[in-house]
């Protein structure tokens, strides 16, 4: 049994990535969160893992620190990962329910970005696929959700983007042989992605009908792209983006 965990900042193309991996033979779950107008082709999120991680992050944030606890982020970044251990039995029960699965299975949820060390302690042999997207495109996508929290506090978006991607980079640098880091803007390089999954992560992905899979799953309109806005980024955001691009496998 091989476990593949797909994650990245919210609105960064993780759903599109999971859709492709599902077509390539990865079991991303049977009970998936339903599609809606914000993700009309689906989220490809296993509801059990989604609800578990949502619960843990909300409970492990300081309730007095404003932010968006559902995503595990607060203004003062007071998420307490040392408390995750209290939910270890629930996590093990989720894994046990899938112990019978063969081949490659895993899950996709952006929240996993903040729980990587927790899962690594339970599944040390797991493989990871990390996705990042330009911060101005993520901000544009989040604004178009018209979620009350981000309508009231648009200034939250870039700090959350940095927070999530710092977690990805930290884990990636410590466990590079178990991770692939790539820009969603290069997801059309599917043969290269499959090659790296096979050679770096030792994942026996199917390479049949790649052209057909790309036509079925990869639609440019799903990833609305703005013109580059490097000059508009603050120094901290720019530094995280530069590190992501310098570290990326694709």
Protein backbone atom coordinates (compact mmCIF):
# COMPACT_ATOMS: atom_id res chain seq x y z
CA UNK A 1 0.00 0.00 0.00
CA UNK A 2 1.31 3.43 -0.99
CA UNK A 3 -0.12 6.65 0.46
CA UNK A 4 -0.03 9.86 -1.59
CA UNK A 5 -1.04 13.13 0.08
CA UNK A 6 -1.96 16.07 -2.18
CA UNK A 7 -2.02 19.53 -0.67
CA UNK A 8 -1.26 23.22 -1.09
CA UNK A 9 -2.79 26.59 -0.32
CA UNK A 10 -6.56 26.91 -0.87
CA UNK A 11 -7.57 27.95 -4.42
CA UNK A 12 -4.19 26.85 -5.77
CA UNK A 13 -5.28 24.05 -8.08
CA UNK A 14 -5.19 21.15 -5.65
CA UNK A 15 -8.62 19.96 -6.87
CA UNK A 16 -7.44 19.92 -10.47
CA UNK A 17 -4.31 18.05 -9.41
CA UNK A 18 -6.33 15.48 -7.48
CA UNK A 19 -8.64 15.02 -10.48
CA UNK A 20 -5.65 14.22 -12.67
CA UNK A 21 -4.16 11.83 -10.13
CA UNK A 22 -7.48 10.05 -9.79
CA UNK A 23 -7.53 9.51 -13.57
CA UNK A 24 -3.99 8.14 -13.30
CA UNK A 25 -5.08 5.48 -10.84
CA UNK A 26 -4.84 7.06 -7.39
CA UNK A 27 -7.76 6.29 -5.09
CA UNK A 28 -8.58 9.67 -3.52
CA UNK A 29 -11.68 8.41 -1.72
CA UNK A 30 -15.18 7.11 -2.29
CA UNK A 31 -17.18 9.70 -0.31
CA UNK A 32 -16.03 12.96 -1.87
CA UNK A 33 -17.16 16.48 -1.01
CA UNK A 34 -19.70 17.45 -3.69
CA UNK A 35 -19.07 19.94 -6.46
CA UNK A 36 -20.58 23.40 -6.21
CA UNK A 37 -20.52 26.66 -8.14
CA UNK A 38 -17.06 27.49 -6.80
CA UNK A 39 -15.63 24.14 -7.94
CA UNK A 40 -18.08 22.89 -10.59
CA UNK A 41 -15.94 19.86 -11.47
CA UNK A 42 -15.54 18.82 -7.85
CA UNK A 43 -13.15 19.19 -4.93
CA UNK A 44 -11.92 15.57 -4.85
CA UNK A 45 -11.75 15.75 -1.05
CA UNK A 46 -12.42 12.68 1.08
CA UNK A 47 -15.11 13.93 3.47
CA UNK A 48 -13.70 11.94 6.43
CA UNK A 49 -10.27 13.56 6.19
CA UNK A 50 -11.73 16.97 5.37
CA UNK A 51 -14.02 17.06 8.41
CA UNK A 52 -11.35 15.62 10.70
CA UNK A 53 -8.76 18.22 9.75
CA UNK A 54 -11.29 21.04 9.85
CA UNK A 55 -12.23 20.04 13.39
CA UNK A 56 -8.64 19.74 14.57
CA UNK A 57 -7.52 23.09 13.16
CA UNK A 58 -10.50 24.94 14.61
CA UNK A 59 -9.95 23.45 18.05
CA UNK A 60 -6.20 24.10 18.03
CA UNK A 61 -6.40 27.81 17.19
CA UNK A 62 -6.53 30.40 19.96
CA UNK A 63 -10.24 31.32 20.06
CA UNK A 64 -9.35 34.86 21.10
CA UNK A 65 -7.12 35.45 18.07
CA UNK A 66 -9.09 36.65 15.01
CA UNK A 67 -8.55 35.09 11.62
CA UNK A 68 -10.04 32.17 9.72
CA UNK A 69 -9.87 29.21 12.10
CA UNK A 70 -11.47 26.86 9.56
CA UNK A 71 -8.24 27.20 7.58
CA UNK A 72 -6.06 27.06 10.71
CA UNK A 73 -4.84 30.65 10.36
CA UNK A 74 -5.05 33.52 12.86
CA UNK A 75 -3.64 37.02 12.76
CA UNK A 76 -0.94 36.14 15.28
CA UNK A 77 -0.48 32.62 13.84
CA UNK A 78 -1.45 30.97 17.12
CA UNK A 79 -2.26 27.53 15.75
CA UNK A 80 -0.92 25.04 18.34
CA UNK A 81 0.29 21.91 16.48
CA UNK A 82 1.46 20.39 19.77
CA UNK A 83 -2.24 19.80 20.51
CA UNK A 84 -2.70 17.62 17.41
CA UNK A 85 -1.55 14.61 19.43
CA UNK A 86 -4.89 14.63 21.27
CA UNK A 87 -6.53 13.64 17.97
CA UNK A 88 -4.11 10.86 17.10
CA UNK A 89 -6.58 8.05 17.86
CA UNK A 90 -9.14 9.56 15.48
CA UNK A 91 -6.50 9.84 12.78
CA UNK A 92 -5.39 6.25 13.28
CA UNK A 93 -9.01 5.12 13.00
CA UNK A 94 -9.27 6.89 9.62
CA UNK A 95 -6.13 5.16 8.43
CA UNK A 96 -7.27 1.78 9.74
CA UNK A 97 -10.49 2.04 7.73
CA UNK A 98 -8.34 2.22 4.60
CA UNK A 99 -5.77 -0.41 5.54
CA UNK A 100 -7.36 -2.88 3.12
CA UNK A 101 -6.79 -0.66 0.08
CA UNK A 102 -4.31 -1.78 -2.54
CA UNK A 103 -2.29 0.23 -4.99
CA UNK A 104 -1.97 3.98 -4.43
CA UNK A 105 -4.50 5.74 -2.23
CA UNK A 106 -4.50 9.05 -0.45
CA UNK A 107 -6.38 12.27 0.04
CA UNK A 108 -6.41 15.88 -0.96
CA UNK A 109 -7.16 18.76 1.40
CA UNK A 110 -5.38 22.12 1.59
CA UNK A 111 -5.61 21.97 5.40
CA UNK A 112 -3.14 19.08 5.36
CA UNK A 113 -0.46 21.71 4.63
CA UNK A 114 -0.61 22.66 8.31
CA UNK A 115 -0.64 19.08 9.61
CA UNK A 116 2.22 17.54 7.64
CA UNK A 117 4.40 16.62 10.61
CA UNK A 118 1.41 15.08 12.37
CA UNK A 119 0.64 12.80 9.43
CA UNK A 120 4.30 12.03 8.86
CA UNK A 121 4.54 10.73 12.41
CA UNK A 122 1.69 8.30 11.64
CA UNK A 123 2.60 7.40 8.04
CA UNK A 124 6.37 7.92 7.78
CA UNK A 125 6.49 6.24 4.37
CA UNK A 126 3.87 8.52 2.76
CA UNK A 127 4.58 10.49 -0.42
CA UNK A 128 3.55 14.10 -0.93
CA UNK A 129 2.51 16.20 -3.90
CA UNK A 130 2.69 19.92 -3.10
CA UNK A 131 1.03 22.51 -5.35
CA UNK A 132 1.54 26.27 -5.39
CA UNK A 133 0.03 29.09 -7.39
CA UNK A 134 0.95 32.73 -7.86
CA UNK A 135 -0.29 34.77 -4.89
CA UNK A 136 -2.14 37.33 -7.02
CA UNK A 137 -4.11 34.54 -8.72
CA UNK A 138 -4.94 32.92 -5.37
CA UNK A 139 -6.06 36.29 -4.01
CA UNK A 140 -8.22 36.88 -7.08
CA UNK A 141 -9.82 33.43 -6.75
CA UNK A 142 -10.54 33.90 -3.04
CA UNK A 143 -12.04 37.34 -3.59
CA UNK A 144 -14.38 35.87 -6.21
CA UNK A 145 -15.76 33.46 -3.60
CA UNK A 146 -17.36 36.49 -1.91
CA UNK A 147 -16.92 34.80 1.46
CA UNK A 148 -17.89 37.25 4.24
CA UNK A 149 -14.61 36.76 6.12
CA UNK A 150 -12.50 37.82 3.12
CA UNK A 151 -14.90 40.54 2.02
CA UNK A 152 -14.50 42.07 5.47
CA UNK A 153 -10.77 41.32 5.69
CA UNK A 154 -9.13 41.14 2.26
CA UNK A 155 -5.83 41.83 4.02
CA UNK A 156 -5.93 38.27 5.41
CA UNK A 157 -5.38 36.60 2.05
CA UNK A 158 -1.66 37.10 1.42
CA UNK A 159 -0.63 36.26 5.01
CA UNK A 160 -2.56 32.99 4.71
CA UNK A 161 -0.87 32.28 1.35
CA UNK A 162 2.52 32.84 2.99
CA UNK A 163 1.60 30.76 6.05
CA UNK A 164 0.54 27.74 4.03
CA UNK A 165 3.44 27.87 1.63
CA UNK A 166 6.01 28.31 4.40
CA UNK A 167 4.71 25.05 5.88
CA UNK A 168 5.09 23.31 2.52
CA UNK A 169 8.64 24.59 2.06
CA UNK A 170 9.69 23.67 5.58
CA UNK A 171 8.51 20.09 5.16
CA UNK A 172 9.82 19.81 1.61
CA UNK A 173 13.34 20.83 2.63
CA UNK A 174 13.36 18.26 5.44
CA UNK A 175 11.96 15.36 3.39
CA UNK A 176 12.83 16.16 -0.23
CA UNK A 177 12.90 12.55 -1.42
CA UNK A 178 9.28 12.01 -0.35
CA UNK A 179 7.90 15.18 -1.91
CA UNK A 180 7.22 16.74 -5.27
CA UNK A 181 6.71 20.50 -5.36
CA UNK A 182 5.30 22.06 -8.50
CA UNK A 183 3.59 25.14 -9.84
CA UNK A 184 0.01 24.59 -10.95
CA UNK A 185 0.81 26.82 -13.92
CA UNK A 186 2.92 23.93 -15.25
CA UNK A 187 0.36 21.19 -14.71
CA UNK A 188 0.04 20.86 -18.48
CA UNK A 189 3.46 19.18 -18.35
CA UNK A 190 1.75 15.95 -17.40
CA UNK A 191 4.37 13.57 -18.87
CA UNK A 192 7.09 15.30 -16.83
CA UNK A 193 4.96 15.11 -13.67
CA UNK A 194 4.34 11.40 -14.17
CA UNK A 195 8.03 10.79 -14.83
CA UNK A 196 8.97 12.49 -11.55
CA UNK A 197 6.25 10.63 -9.66
CA UNK A 198 7.74 7.40 -10.92
CA UNK A 199 11.43 8.18 -10.54
CA UNK A 200 11.50 10.38 -7.45
CA UNK A 201 8.51 9.07 -5.49
CA UNK A 202 8.46 5.51 -6.88
CA UNK A 203 4.76 5.76 -7.68
CA UNK A 204 3.66 3.29 -10.37
CA UNK A 205 1.27 5.67 -12.13
CA UNK A 206 -0.37 4.65 -15.37
CA UNK A 207 0.74 6.53 -18.47
CA UNK A 208 -2.02 5.29 -20.76
CA UNK A 209 -4.22 7.76 -22.63
CA UNK A 210 -2.40 10.84 -21.31
CA UNK A 211 -3.66 13.04 -24.12
CA UNK A 212 -7.26 12.01 -23.44
CA UNK A 213 -6.85 12.52 -19.68
CA UNK A 214 -5.52 16.04 -20.24
CA UNK A 215 -8.48 16.86 -22.48
CA UNK A 216 -10.95 15.53 -19.91
CA UNK A 217 -9.45 17.18 -16.85
CA UNK A 218 -7.27 20.14 -17.75
CA UNK A 219 -9.34 23.17 -18.74
CA UNK A 220 -7.64 26.55 -18.79
CA UNK A 221 -10.80 28.33 -17.65
CA UNK A 222 -10.50 26.51 -14.32
CA UNK A 223 -7.33 28.47 -13.59
CA UNK A 224 -8.06 32.11 -14.26
CA UNK A 225 -4.70 33.86 -14.58
CA UNK A 226 -4.00 37.54 -14.14
CA UNK A 227 -1.00 39.32 -15.67
CA UNK A 228 2.12 38.97 -13.46
CA UNK A 229 2.08 41.31 -10.46
CA UNK A 230 5.53 40.82 -8.95
CA UNK A 231 5.95 44.56 -8.40
CA UNK A 232 2.78 44.72 -6.30
CA UNK A 233 3.94 42.08 -3.80
CA UNK A 234 5.29 42.97 -0.39
CA UNK A 235 8.82 41.80 0.35
CA UNK A 236 7.81 38.86 2.54
CA UNK A 237 5.38 37.44 -0.02
CA UNK A 238 7.89 37.89 -2.82
CA UNK A 239 10.56 36.04 -0.84
CA UNK A 240 8.25 33.05 -0.24
CA UNK A 241 7.33 32.97 -3.93
CA UNK A 242 10.98 33.12 -4.97
CA UNK A 243 11.82 30.23 -2.63
CA UNK A 244 8.94 28.17 -4.01
CA UNK A 245 10.10 28.71 -7.58
CA UNK A 246 13.73 27.99 -6.72
CA UNK A 247 12.80 24.76 -4.90
CA UNK A 248 10.15 23.45 -7.30
CA UNK A 249 10.62 20.19 -9.16
CA UNK A 250 8.42 21.57 -11.96
